[in-house]
Amino acid sequence: MVILMFDWLKREKFVLPPEEYQRKLVSEIEEKLKDAKGSEKTKLTYMLGNQLMILNQILNKKKPKKPIRLNNRGKWVWVEDG
């Protein structure tokens, strides 16, 4: 049982789509959402939210990460820019 739990906690590796494709998909959903009514509008709203989260992951992956290091108290801290 313990072995199965460790496999369950492993982080999966996802292949993110290209940014241009994702932006195109978001704009298509936004266009459909303008004319949608009722349950179709709800479905498109959730689809848009999901696609925006994926786009956010793509954009965050492109950002440079700040390096971290140990301070004099033995805690990990962000290294200041400049």
C-alpha atoms as a PDB file:
ATOM      1  CA  MET A   1       0.000   0.000   0.000  1.00  0.00           C
ATOM      2  CA  VAL A   2       2.846   2.392   0.826  1.00  0.00           C
ATOM      3  CA  ILE A   3       4.486   1.818  -2.561  1.00  0.00           C
ATOM      4  CA  LEU A   4       1.248   2.688  -4.346  1.00  0.00           C
ATOM      5  CA  MET A   5       0.973   5.899  -2.358  1.00  0.00           C
ATOM      6  CA  PHE A   6       4.437   7.052  -3.444  1.00  0.00           C
ATOM      7  CA  ASP A   7       3.492   6.485  -7.084  1.00  0.00           C
ATOM      8  CA  TRP A   8       0.321   8.471  -6.492  1.00  0.00           C
ATOM      9  CA  LEU A   9       2.273  11.442  -5.107  1.00  0.00           C
ATOM     10  CA  LYS A  10       4.663  11.606  -8.062  1.00  0.00           C
ATOM     11  CA  ARG A  11       4.391  14.741 -10.142  1.00  0.00           C
ATOM     12  CA  GLU A  12       3.246  14.066 -13.675  1.00  0.00           C
ATOM     13  CA  LYS A  13       5.062  15.658 -16.581  1.00  0.00           C
ATOM     14  CA  PHE A  14       2.790  17.397 -19.049  1.00  0.00           C
ATOM     15  CA  VAL A  15       3.645  18.622 -22.520  1.00  0.00           C
ATOM     16  CA  LEU A  16       2.213  22.107 -22.869  1.00  0.00           C
ATOM     17  CA  PRO A  17       0.917  23.261 -26.266  1.00  0.00           C
ATOM     18  CA  PRO A  18       2.538  26.197 -28.094  1.00  0.00           C
ATOM     19  CA  GLU A  19       1.500  29.647 -26.866  1.00  0.00           C
ATOM     20  CA  GLU A  20       0.066  30.723 -30.245  1.00  0.00           C
ATOM     21  CA  TYR A  21      -2.206  27.676 -30.414  1.00  0.00           C
ATOM     22  CA  GLN A  22      -3.431  28.266 -26.874  1.00  0.00           C
ATOM     23  CA  ARG A  23      -4.155  31.959 -27.528  1.00  0.00           C
ATOM     24  CA  LYS A  24      -6.093  31.012 -30.674  1.00  0.00           C
ATOM     25  CA  LEU A  25      -8.155  28.489 -28.694  1.00  0.00           C
ATOM     26  CA  VAL A  26      -8.922  31.082 -25.991  1.00  0.00           C
ATOM     27  CA  SER A  27     -10.028  33.659 -28.564  1.00  0.00           C
ATOM     28  CA  GLU A  28     -12.308  31.103 -30.291  1.00  0.00           C
ATOM     29  CA  ILE A  29     -13.974  30.239 -26.983  1.00  0.00           C
ATOM     30  CA  GLU A  30     -14.412  33.940 -26.164  1.00  0.00           C
ATOM     31  CA  GLU A  31     -16.116  34.497 -29.540  1.00  0.00           C
ATOM     32  CA  LYS A  32     -18.513  31.583 -28.980  1.00  0.00           C
ATOM     33  CA  LEU A  33     -19.206  32.808 -25.447  1.00  0.00           C
ATOM     34  CA  LYS A  34     -20.578  36.155 -26.703  1.00  0.00           C
ATOM     35  CA  ASP A  35     -23.614  34.478 -28.328  1.00  0.00           C
ATOM     36  CA  ALA A  36     -24.063  31.536 -25.954  1.00  0.00           C
ATOM     37  CA  LYS A  37     -27.017  31.164 -23.594  1.00  0.00           C
ATOM     38  CA  GLY A  38     -27.940  28.840 -20.753  1.00  0.00           C
ATOM     39  CA  SER A  39     -25.994  25.649 -20.207  1.00  0.00           C
ATOM     40  CA  GLU A  40     -23.864  26.278 -23.306  1.00  0.00           C
ATOM     41  CA  LYS A  41     -22.649  29.529 -21.731  1.00  0.00           C
ATOM     42  CA  THR A  42     -21.779  27.700 -18.511  1.00  0.00           C
ATOM     43  CA  LYS A  43     -19.883  25.015 -20.423  1.00  0.00           C
ATOM     44  CA  LEU A  44     -17.916  27.606 -22.416  1.00  0.00           C
ATOM     45  CA  THR A  45     -17.134  29.591 -19.260  1.00  0.00           C
ATOM     46  CA  TYR A  46     -15.560  26.533 -17.644  1.00  0.00           C
ATOM     47  CA  MET A  47     -13.712  25.706 -20.867  1.00  0.00           C
ATOM     48  CA  LEU A  48     -12.363  29.256 -21.010  1.00  0.00           C
ATOM     49  CA  GLY A  49     -11.192  29.084 -17.396  1.00  0.00           C
ATOM     50  CA  ASN A  50      -9.377  25.807 -18.033  1.00  0.00           C
ATOM     51  CA  GLN A  51      -7.696  27.107 -21.181  1.00  0.00           C
ATOM     52  CA  LEU A  52      -6.615  30.310 -19.424  1.00  0.00           C
ATOM     53  CA  MET A  53      -4.999  28.242 -16.649  1.00  0.00           C
ATOM     54  CA  ILE A  54      -3.041  26.306 -19.281  1.00  0.00           C
ATOM     55  CA  LEU A  55      -2.015  29.572 -20.953  1.00  0.00           C
ATOM     56  CA  ASN A  56      -0.886  30.891 -17.582  1.00  0.00           C
ATOM     57  CA  GLN A  57       1.298  27.802 -17.092  1.00  0.00           C
ATOM     58  CA  ILE A  58       2.859  28.356 -20.523  1.00  0.00           C
ATOM     59  CA  LEU A  59       3.635  31.991 -19.721  1.00  0.00           C
ATOM     60  CA  ASN A  60       5.006  31.152 -16.258  1.00  0.00           C
ATOM     61  CA  LYS A  61       7.323  28.549 -17.763  1.00  0.00           C
ATOM     62  CA  LYS A  62       8.872  31.281 -19.932  1.00  0.00           C
ATOM     63  CA  LYS A  63       9.564  33.616 -16.982  1.00  0.00           C
ATOM     64  CA  PRO A  64      13.087  33.520 -15.607  1.00  0.00           C
ATOM     65  CA  LYS A  65      13.180  32.033 -12.123  1.00  0.00           C
ATOM     66  CA  LYS A  66      14.783  33.892  -9.253  1.00  0.00           C
ATOM     67  CA  PRO A  67      17.634  31.948  -7.708  1.00  0.00           C
ATOM     68  CA  ILE A  68      17.390  30.953  -4.058  1.00  0.00           C
ATOM     69  CA  ARG A  69      20.142  30.343  -1.522  1.00  0.00           C
ATOM     70  CA  LEU A  70      20.602  29.655   2.147  1.00  0.00           C
ATOM     71  CA  ASN A  71      20.813  32.710   4.410  1.00  0.00           C
ATOM     72  CA  ASN A  72      22.880  32.925   7.600  1.00  0.00           C
ATOM     73  CA  ARG A  73      20.005  31.342   9.589  1.00  0.00           C
ATOM     74  CA  GLY A  74      19.879  28.269   7.376  1.00  0.00           C
ATOM     75  CA  LYS A  75      16.630  29.207   5.628  1.00  0.00           C
ATOM     76  CA  TRP A  76      16.076  29.376   1.895  1.00  0.00           C
ATOM     77  CA  VAL A  77      15.541  32.948   0.669  1.00  0.00           C
ATOM     78  CA  TRP A  78      15.174  34.662  -2.712  1.00  0.00           C
ATOM     79  CA  VAL A  79      18.324  36.336  -4.015  1.00  0.00           C
ATOM     80  CA  GLU A  80      17.639  40.035  -4.567  1.00  0.00           C
ATOM     81  CA  ASP A  81      17.933  41.443  -8.085  1.00  0.00           C
ATOM     82  CA  GLY A  82      20.641  43.976  -8.764  1.00  0.00           C
END
